[in-house]
């Protein structure tokens, strides 16, 4: 994963998940999050 950082409320970010070793097209993909 990449693209995280500090942003102000109301702002935008785009996260990327770069895959290697296999094609993402054959996987169900998801984004999860964990807050403290």
ModelCIF file with pLDDT and N, C-alpha, C, O atoms, coordinates in Angstrom:
data_MODEL
#
_entry.id   MODEL 
#
_entity.id                         1 
_entity.type                       polymer 
_entity.pdbx_number_of_molecules   1 
#
_entity_poly.entity_id                      1 
_entity_poly.type                           'polypeptide(L)' 
_entity_poly.nstd_linkage                   no 
_entity_poly.nstd_monomer                   no 
_entity_poly.pdbx_seq_one_letter_code       
;(UNK)(UNK)(UNK)(UNK)(UNK)(UNK)(UNK)(UNK)(UNK)(UNK)(UNK)(UNK)(UNK)(UNK)(UNK)(UNK)
(UNK)(UNK)(UNK)(UNK)(UNK)(UNK)(UNK)(UNK)(UNK)(UNK)(UNK)(UNK)(UNK)(UNK)(UNK)(UNK)
(UNK)(UNK)(UNK)(UNK)
;
_entity_poly.pdbx_seq_one_letter_code_can   XXXXXXXXXXXXXXXXXXXXXXXXXXXXXXXXXXXX 
_entity_poly.pdbx_strand_id                 A 
#
loop_
_entity_poly_seq.entity_id 
_entity_poly_seq.num 
_entity_poly_seq.mon_id 
_entity_poly_seq.hetero 
1 1  UNK n 
1 2  UNK n 
1 3  UNK n 
1 4  UNK n 
1 5  UNK n 
1 6  UNK n 
1 7  UNK n 
1 8  UNK n 
1 9  UNK n 
1 10 UNK n 
1 11 UNK n 
1 12 UNK n 
1 13 UNK n 
1 14 UNK n 
1 15 UNK n 
1 16 UNK n 
1 17 UNK n 
1 18 UNK n 
1 19 UNK n 
1 20 UNK n 
1 21 UNK n 
1 22 UNK n 
1 23 UNK n 
1 24 UNK n 
1 25 UNK n 
1 26 UNK n 
1 27 UNK n 
1 28 UNK n 
1 29 UNK n 
1 30 UNK n 
1 31 UNK n 
1 32 UNK n 
1 33 UNK n 
1 34 UNK n 
1 35 UNK n 
1 36 UNK n 
#
_struct_asym.id          A 
_struct_asym.entity_id   1 
#
loop_
_ma_qa_metric.id 
_ma_qa_metric.mode 
_ma_qa_metric.name 
_ma_qa_metric.software_group_id 
_ma_qa_metric.type 
1 global pLDDT . pLDDT 
2 local  pLDDT . pLDDT 
#
_ma_qa_metric_global.metric_id      1 
_ma_qa_metric_global.metric_value   96.03 
_ma_qa_metric_global.model_id       1 
_ma_qa_metric_global.ordinal_id     1 
#
loop_
_ma_qa_metric_local.label_asym_id 
_ma_qa_metric_local.label_comp_id 
_ma_qa_metric_local.label_seq_id 
_ma_qa_metric_local.metric_id 
_ma_qa_metric_local.metric_value 
_ma_qa_metric_local.model_id 
_ma_qa_metric_local.ordinal_id 
A UNK 1  2 97.00 1 1  
A UNK 2  2 97.00 1 2  
A UNK 3  2 97.00 1 3  
A UNK 4  2 97.00 1 4  
A UNK 5  2 97.00 1 5  
A UNK 6  2 98.00 1 6  
A UNK 7  2 98.00 1 7  
A UNK 8  2 98.00 1 8  
A UNK 9  2 98.00 1 9  
A UNK 10 2 98.00 1 10 
A UNK 11 2 98.00 1 11 
A UNK 12 2 98.00 1 12 
A UNK 13 2 98.00 1 13 
A UNK 14 2 98.00 1 14 
A UNK 15 2 98.00 1 15 
A UNK 16 2 98.00 1 16 
A UNK 17 2 98.00 1 17 
A UNK 18 2 97.00 1 18 
A UNK 19 2 96.00 1 19 
A UNK 20 2 93.00 1 20 
A UNK 21 2 93.00 1 21 
A UNK 22 2 91.00 1 22 
A UNK 23 2 91.00 1 23 
A UNK 24 2 91.00 1 24 
A UNK 25 2 90.00 1 25 
A UNK 26 2 91.00 1 26 
A UNK 27 2 94.00 1 27 
A UNK 28 2 96.00 1 28 
A UNK 29 2 97.00 1 29 
A UNK 30 2 97.00 1 30 
A UNK 31 2 98.00 1 31 
A UNK 32 2 98.00 1 32 
A UNK 33 2 98.00 1 33 
A UNK 34 2 98.00 1 34 
A UNK 35 2 96.00 1 35 
A UNK 36 2 91.00 1 36 
#
loop_
_atom_site.group_PDB 
_atom_site.id 
_atom_site.type_symbol 
_atom_site.label_atom_id 
_atom_site.label_alt_id 
_atom_site.label_comp_id 
_atom_site.label_asym_id 
_atom_site.label_entity_id 
_atom_site.label_seq_id 
_atom_site.pdbx_PDB_ins_code 
_atom_site.Cartn_x 
_atom_site.Cartn_y 
_atom_site.Cartn_z 
_atom_site.occupancy 
_atom_site.B_iso_or_equiv 
_atom_site.pdbx_formal_charge 
_atom_site.auth_seq_id 
_atom_site.auth_comp_id 
_atom_site.auth_asym_id 
_atom_site.auth_atom_id 
_atom_site.pdbx_PDB_model_num 
ATOM 1   N N  . UNK A 1 1  ? 0.831   -1.201  0.000   1.00 97.00 ? 1  UNK A N  1 
ATOM 2   C CA . UNK A 1 1  ? 0.000   0.000   0.000   1.00 97.00 ? 1  UNK A CA 1 
ATOM 3   C C  . UNK A 1 1  ? 0.868   1.254   0.000   1.00 97.00 ? 1  UNK A C  1 
ATOM 4   O O  . UNK A 1 1  ? 1.995   1.248   0.494   1.00 97.00 ? 1  UNK A O  1 
ATOM 5   N N  . UNK A 1 2  ? 0.325   2.317   -0.559  1.00 97.00 ? 2  UNK A N  1 
ATOM 6   C CA . UNK A 1 2  ? 0.969   3.627   -0.523  1.00 97.00 ? 2  UNK A CA 1 
ATOM 7   C C  . UNK A 1 2  ? -0.102  4.696   -0.647  1.00 97.00 ? 2  UNK A C  1 
ATOM 8   O O  . UNK A 1 2  ? -1.257  4.411   -0.963  1.00 97.00 ? 2  UNK A O  1 
ATOM 9   N N  . UNK A 1 3  ? 0.308   5.939   -0.388  1.00 97.00 ? 3  UNK A N  1 
ATOM 10  C CA . UNK A 1 3  ? -0.605  7.059   -0.580  1.00 97.00 ? 3  UNK A CA 1 
ATOM 11  C C  . UNK A 1 3  ? -1.167  7.655   0.694   1.00 97.00 ? 3  UNK A C  1 
ATOM 12  O O  . UNK A 1 3  ? -1.874  8.662   0.648   1.00 97.00 ? 3  UNK A O  1 
ATOM 13  N N  . UNK A 1 4  ? -0.863  7.048   1.835   1.00 97.00 ? 4  UNK A N  1 
ATOM 14  C CA . UNK A 1 4  ? -1.353  7.608   3.081   1.00 97.00 ? 4  UNK A CA 1 
ATOM 15  C C  . UNK A 1 4  ? -0.609  8.881   3.444   1.00 97.00 ? 4  UNK A C  1 
ATOM 16  O O  . UNK A 1 4  ? 0.387   9.244   2.818   1.00 97.00 ? 4  UNK A O  1 
ATOM 17  N N  . UNK A 1 5  ? -1.120  9.554   4.478   1.00 97.00 ? 5  UNK A N  1 
ATOM 18  C CA . UNK A 1 5  ? -0.477  10.774  4.929   1.00 97.00 ? 5  UNK A CA 1 
ATOM 19  C C  . UNK A 1 5  ? -1.410  11.598  5.777   1.00 97.00 ? 5  UNK A C  1 
ATOM 20  O O  . UNK A 1 5  ? -2.463  11.135  6.216   1.00 97.00 ? 5  UNK A O  1 
ATOM 21  N N  . UNK A 1 6  ? -1.000  12.837  6.000   1.00 98.00 ? 6  UNK A N  1 
ATOM 22  C CA . UNK A 1 6  ? -1.793  13.776  6.792   1.00 98.00 ? 6  UNK A CA 1 
ATOM 23  C C  . UNK A 1 6  ? -2.600  14.665  5.853   1.00 98.00 ? 6  UNK A C  1 
ATOM 24  O O  . UNK A 1 6  ? -2.060  15.229  4.901   1.00 98.00 ? 6  UNK A O  1 
ATOM 25  N N  . UNK A 1 7  ? -3.891  14.784  6.128   1.00 98.00 ? 7  UNK A N  1 
ATOM 26  C CA . UNK A 1 7  ? -4.766  15.606  5.305   1.00 98.00 ? 7  UNK A CA 1 
ATOM 27  C C  . UNK A 1 7  ? -5.751  16.323  6.219   1.00 98.00 ? 7  UNK A C  1 
ATOM 28  O O  . UNK A 1 7  ? -6.127  15.804  7.271   1.00 98.00 ? 7  UNK A O  1 
ATOM 29  N N  . UNK A 1 8  ? -6.163  17.513  5.813   1.00 98.00 ? 8  UNK A N  1 
ATOM 30  C CA . UNK A 1 8  ? -7.130  18.275  6.597   1.00 98.00 ? 8  UNK A CA 1 
ATOM 31  C C  . UNK A 1 8  ? -8.542  17.736  6.379   1.00 98.00 ? 8  UNK A C  1 
ATOM 32  O O  . UNK A 1 8  ? -8.825  17.150  5.334   1.00 98.00 ? 8  UNK A O  1 
ATOM 33  N N  . UNK A 1 9  ? -9.417  17.926  7.342   1.00 98.00 ? 9  UNK A N  1 
ATOM 34  C CA . UNK A 1 9  ? -10.813 17.538  7.137   1.00 98.00 ? 9  UNK A CA 1 
ATOM 35  C C  . UNK A 1 9  ? -11.377 18.174  5.874   1.00 98.00 ? 9  UNK A C  1 
ATOM 36  O O  . UNK A 1 9  ? -11.145 19.349  5.589   1.00 98.00 ? 9  UNK A O  1 
ATOM 37  N N  . UNK A 1 10 ? -12.120 17.371  5.127   1.00 98.00 ? 10 UNK A N  1 
ATOM 38  C CA . UNK A 1 10 ? -12.660 17.818  3.848   1.00 98.00 ? 10 UNK A CA 1 
ATOM 39  C C  . UNK A 1 10 ? -11.754 17.550  2.668   1.00 98.00 ? 10 UNK A C  1 
ATOM 40  O O  . UNK A 1 10 ? -12.161 17.718  1.518   1.00 98.00 ? 10 UNK A O  1 
ATOM 41  N N  . UNK A 1 11 ? -10.535 17.136  2.938   1.00 98.00 ? 11 UNK A N  1 
ATOM 42  C CA . UNK A 1 11 ? -9.571  16.877  1.873   1.00 98.00 ? 11 UNK A CA 1 
ATOM 43  C C  . UNK A 1 11 ? -9.731  15.499  1.256   1.00 98.00 ? 11 UNK A C  1 
ATOM 44  O O  . UNK A 1 11 ? -10.636 14.738  1.598   1.00 98.00 ? 11 UNK A O  1 
ATOM 45  N N  . UNK A 1 12 ? -8.812  15.201  0.327   1.00 98.00 ? 12 UNK A N  1 
ATOM 46  C CA . UNK A 1 12 ? -8.861  13.942  -0.411  1.00 98.00 ? 12 UNK A CA 1 
ATOM 47  C C  . UNK A 1 12 ? -7.505  13.265  -0.407  1.00 98.00 ? 12 UNK A C  1 
ATOM 48  O O  . UNK A 1 12 ? -6.465  13.915  -0.312  1.00 98.00 ? 12 UNK A O  1 
ATOM 49  N N  . UNK A 1 13 ? -7.538  11.957  -0.512  1.00 98.00 ? 13 UNK A N  1 
ATOM 50  C CA . UNK A 1 13 ? -6.338  11.142  -0.707  1.00 98.00 ? 13 UNK A CA 1 
ATOM 51  C C  . UNK A 1 13 ? -6.704  9.978   -1.614  1.00 98.00 ? 13 UNK A C  1 
ATOM 52  O O  . UNK A 1 13 ? -7.853  9.539   -1.654  1.00 98.00 ? 13 UNK A O  1 
ATOM 53  N N  . UNK A 1 14 ? -5.706  9.488   -2.341  1.00 98.00 ? 14 UNK A N  1 
ATOM 54  C CA . UNK A 1 14 ? -5.900  8.261   -3.098  1.00 98.00 ? 14 UNK A CA 1 
ATOM 55  C C  . UNK A 1 14 ? -4.869  7.237   -2.631  1.00 98.00 ? 14 UNK A C  1 
ATOM 56  O O  . UNK A 1 14 ? -3.662  7.458   -2.731  1.00 98.00 ? 14 UNK A O  1 
ATOM 57  N N  . UNK A 1 15 ? -5.358  6.141   -2.132  1.00 98.00 ? 15 UNK A N  1 
ATOM 58  C CA . UNK A 1 15 ? -4.491  5.047   -1.729  1.00 98.00 ? 15 UNK A CA 1 
ATOM 59  C C  . UNK A 1 15 ? -4.307  4.083   -2.892  1.00 98.00 ? 15 UNK A C  1 
ATOM 60  O O  . UNK A 1 15 ? -5.221  3.864   -3.687  1.00 98.00 ? 15 UNK A O  1 
ATOM 61  N N  . UNK A 1 16 ? -3.108  3.510   -2.978  1.00 98.00 ? 16 UNK A N  1 
ATOM 62  C CA . UNK A 1 16 ? -2.811  2.518   -4.003  1.00 98.00 ? 16 UNK A CA 1 
ATOM 63  C C  . UNK A 1 16 ? -2.378  1.221   -3.334  1.00 98.00 ? 16 UNK A C  1 
ATOM 64  O O  . UNK A 1 16 ? -1.724  1.222   -2.291  1.00 98.00 ? 16 UNK A O  1 
ATOM 65  N N  . UNK A 1 17 ? -2.755  0.130   -3.954  1.00 98.00 ? 17 UNK A N  1 
ATOM 66  C CA . UNK A 1 17 ? -2.331  -1.202  -3.512  1.00 98.00 ? 17 UNK A CA 1 
ATOM 67  C C  . UNK A 1 17 ? -1.727  -1.890  -4.727  1.00 98.00 ? 17 UNK A C  1 
ATOM 68  O O  . UNK A 1 17 ? -2.443  -2.380  -5.600  1.00 98.00 ? 17 UNK A O  1 
ATOM 69  N N  . UNK A 1 18 ? -0.412  -1.919  -4.772  1.00 97.00 ? 18 UNK A N  1 
ATOM 70  C CA . UNK A 1 18 ? 0.292   -2.530  -5.888  1.00 97.00 ? 18 UNK A CA 1 
ATOM 71  C C  . UNK A 1 18 ? 0.538   -4.002  -5.594  1.00 97.00 ? 18 UNK A C  1 
ATOM 72  O O  . UNK A 1 18 ? 1.060   -4.354  -4.536  1.00 97.00 ? 18 UNK A O  1 
ATOM 73  N N  . UNK A 1 19 ? 0.163   -4.849  -6.527  1.00 96.00 ? 19 UNK A N  1 
ATOM 74  C CA . UNK A 1 19 ? 0.296   -6.287  -6.349  1.00 96.00 ? 19 UNK A CA 1 
ATOM 75  C C  . UNK A 1 19 ? 1.421   -6.834  -7.203  1.00 96.00 ? 19 UNK A C  1 
ATOM 76  O O  . UNK A 1 19 ? 1.712   -6.318  -8.282  1.00 96.00 ? 19 UNK A O  1 
ATOM 77  N N  . UNK A 1 20 ? 2.049   -7.888  -6.705  1.00 93.00 ? 20 UNK A N  1 
ATOM 78  C CA . UNK A 1 20 ? 3.056   -8.611  -7.461  1.00 93.00 ? 20 UNK A CA 1 
ATOM 79  C C  . UNK A 1 20 ? 2.917   -10.090 -7.150  1.00 93.00 ? 20 UNK A C  1 
ATOM 80  O O  . UNK A 1 20 ? 2.362   -10.476 -6.121  1.00 93.00 ? 20 UNK A O  1 
ATOM 81  N N  . UNK A 1 21 ? 3.425   -10.899 -8.047  1.00 93.00 ? 21 UNK A N  1 
ATOM 82  C CA . UNK A 1 21 ? 3.384   -12.338 -7.849  1.00 93.00 ? 21 UNK A CA 1 
ATOM 83  C C  . UNK A 1 21 ? 2.145   -13.009 -8.401  1.00 93.00 ? 21 UNK A C  1 
ATOM 84  O O  . UNK A 1 21 ? 2.124   -14.227 -8.577  1.00 93.00 ? 21 UNK A O  1 
ATOM 85  N N  . UNK A 1 22 ? 1.132   -12.244 -8.672  1.00 91.00 ? 22 UNK A N  1 
ATOM 86  C CA . UNK A 1 22 ? -0.109  -12.791 -9.213  1.00 91.00 ? 22 UNK A CA 1 
ATOM 87  C C  . UNK A 1 22 ? -0.951  -11.617 -9.712  1.00 91.00 ? 22 UNK A C  1 
ATOM 88  O O  . UNK A 1 22 ? -0.669  -10.460 -9.400  1.00 91.00 ? 22 UNK A O  1 
ATOM 89  N N  . UNK A 1 23 ? -1.978  -11.927 -10.483 1.00 91.00 ? 23 UNK A N  1 
ATOM 90  C CA . UNK A 1 23 ? -2.825  -10.885 -11.062 1.00 91.00 ? 23 UNK A CA 1 
ATOM 91  C C  . UNK A 1 23 ? -3.978  -10.546 -10.126 1.00 91.00 ? 23 UNK A C  1 
ATOM 92  O O  . UNK A 1 23 ? -4.682  -11.438 -9.652  1.00 91.00 ? 23 UNK A O  1 
ATOM 93  N N  . UNK A 1 24 ? -4.169  -9.257  -9.861  1.00 91.00 ? 24 UNK A N  1 
ATOM 94  C CA . UNK A 1 24 ? -5.273  -8.858  -8.980  1.00 91.00 ? 24 UNK A CA 1 
ATOM 95  C C  . UNK A 1 24 ? -6.630  -9.188  -9.577  1.00 91.00 ? 24 UNK A C  1 
ATOM 96  O O  . UNK A 1 24 ? -7.626  -9.269  -8.858  1.00 91.00 ? 24 UNK A O  1 
ATOM 97  N N  . UNK A 1 25 ? -6.673  -9.379  -10.887 1.00 90.00 ? 25 UNK A N  1 
ATOM 98  C CA . UNK A 1 25 ? -7.949  -9.615  -11.550 1.00 90.00 ? 25 UNK A CA 1 
ATOM 99  C C  . UNK A 1 25 ? -8.614  -10.912 -11.093 1.00 90.00 ? 25 UNK A C  1 
ATOM 100 O O  . UNK A 1 25 ? -9.825  -11.070 -11.247 1.00 90.00 ? 25 UNK A O  1 
ATOM 101 N N  . UNK A 1 26 ? -7.838  -11.840 -10.533 1.00 91.00 ? 26 UNK A N  1 
ATOM 102 C CA . UNK A 1 26 ? -8.426  -13.129 -10.127 1.00 91.00 ? 26 UNK A CA 1 
ATOM 103 C C  . UNK A 1 26 ? -8.776  -13.149 -8.637  1.00 91.00 ? 26 UNK A C  1 
ATOM 104 O O  . UNK A 1 26 ? -9.233  -14.165 -8.113  1.00 91.00 ? 26 UNK A O  1 
ATOM 105 N N  . UNK A 1 27 ? -8.557  -12.017 -7.962  1.00 94.00 ? 27 UNK A N  1 
ATOM 106 C CA . UNK A 1 27 ? -8.833  -11.923 -6.532  1.00 94.00 ? 27 UNK A CA 1 
ATOM 107 C C  . UNK A 1 27 ? -10.000 -10.978 -6.272  1.00 94.00 ? 27 UNK A C  1 
ATOM 108 O O  . UNK A 1 27 ? -10.210 -10.010 -7.002  1.00 94.00 ? 27 UNK A O  1 
ATOM 109 N N  . UNK A 1 28 ? -10.742 -11.273 -5.235  1.00 96.00 ? 28 UNK A N  1 
ATOM 110 C CA . UNK A 1 28 ? -11.623 -10.271 -4.654  1.00 96.00 ? 28 UNK A CA 1 
ATOM 111 C C  . UNK A 1 28 ? -10.731 -9.394  -3.771  1.00 96.00 ? 28 UNK A C  1 
ATOM 112 O O  . UNK A 1 28 ? -9.998  -9.891  -2.915  1.00 96.00 ? 28 UNK A O  1 
ATOM 113 N N  . UNK A 1 29 ? -10.807 -8.092  -3.997  1.00 97.00 ? 29 UNK A N  1 
ATOM 114 C CA . UNK A 1 29 ? -9.916  -7.163  -3.316  1.00 97.00 ? 29 UNK A CA 1 
ATOM 115 C C  . UNK A 1 29 ? -10.713 -6.289  -2.359  1.00 97.00 ? 29 UNK A C  1 
ATOM 116 O O  . UNK A 1 29 ? -11.889 -6.000  -2.579  1.00 97.00 ? 29 UNK A O  1 
ATOM 117 N N  . UNK A 1 30 ? -10.047 -5.881  -1.303  1.00 97.00 ? 30 UNK A N  1 
ATOM 118 C CA . UNK A 1 30 ? -10.730 -5.021  -0.344  1.00 97.00 ? 30 UNK A CA 1 
ATOM 119 C C  . UNK A 1 30 ? -9.774  -4.078  0.347   1.00 97.00 ? 30 UNK A C  1 
ATOM 120 O O  . UNK A 1 30 ? -8.571  -4.325  0.423   1.00 97.00 ? 30 UNK A O  1 
ATOM 121 N N  . UNK A 1 31 ? -10.325 -3.008  0.841   1.00 98.00 ? 31 UNK A N  1 
ATOM 122 C CA . UNK A 1 31 ? -9.617  -2.079  1.717   1.00 98.00 ? 31 UNK A CA 1 
ATOM 123 C C  . UNK A 1 31 ? -10.261 -2.162  3.107   1.00 98.00 ? 31 UNK A C  1 
ATOM 124 O O  . UNK A 1 31 ? -11.477 -2.044  3.258   1.00 98.00 ? 31 UNK A O  1 
ATOM 125 N N  . UNK A 1 32 ? -9.422  -2.364  4.098   1.00 98.00 ? 32 UNK A N  1 
ATOM 126 C CA . UNK A 1 32 ? -9.844  -2.376  5.489   1.00 98.00 ? 32 UNK A CA 1 
ATOM 127 C C  . UNK A 1 32 ? -9.127  -1.249  6.220   1.00 98.00 ? 32 UNK A C  1 
ATOM 128 O O  . UNK A 1 32 ? -8.141  -0.703  5.726   1.00 98.00 ? 32 UNK A O  1 
ATOM 129 N N  . UNK A 1 33 ? -9.622  -0.914  7.380   1.00 98.00 ? 33 UNK A N  1 
ATOM 130 C CA . UNK A 1 33 ? -8.926  0.066   8.207   1.00 98.00 ? 33 UNK A CA 1 
ATOM 131 C C  . UNK A 1 33 ? -9.031  -0.329  9.677   1.00 98.00 ? 33 UNK A C  1 
ATOM 132 O O  . UNK A 1 33 ? -9.963  -1.011  10.105  1.00 98.00 ? 33 UNK A O  1 
ATOM 133 N N  . UNK A 1 34 ? -8.039  0.128   10.421  1.00 98.00 ? 34 UNK A N  1 
ATOM 134 C CA . UNK A 1 34 ? -8.020  -0.121  11.858  1.00 98.00 ? 34 UNK A CA 1 
ATOM 135 C C  . UNK A 1 34 ? -7.574  1.140   12.573  1.00 98.00 ? 34 UNK A C  1 
ATOM 136 O O  . UNK A 1 34 ? -6.439  1.595   12.428  1.00 98.00 ? 34 UNK A O  1 
ATOM 137 N N  . UNK A 1 35 ? -8.487  1.687   13.341  1.00 96.00 ? 35 UNK A N  1 
ATOM 138 C CA . UNK A 1 35 ? -8.183  2.862   14.149  1.00 96.00 ? 35 UNK A CA 1 
ATOM 139 C C  . UNK A 1 35 ? -7.648  2.411   15.508  1.00 96.00 ? 35 UNK A C  1 
ATOM 140 O O  . UNK A 1 35 ? -7.901  1.282   15.926  1.00 96.00 ? 35 UNK A O  1 
ATOM 141 N N  . UNK A 1 36 ? -6.914  3.278   16.198  1.00 91.00 ? 36 UNK A N  1 
ATOM 142 C CA . UNK A 1 36 ? -6.372  2.912   17.511  1.00 91.00 ? 36 UNK A CA 1 
ATOM 143 C C  . UNK A 1 36 ? -7.465  2.447   18.464  1.00 91.00 ? 36 UNK A C  1 
ATOM 144 O O  . UNK A 1 36 ? -7.180  2.103   19.610  1.00 91.00 ? 36 UNK A O  1 
#
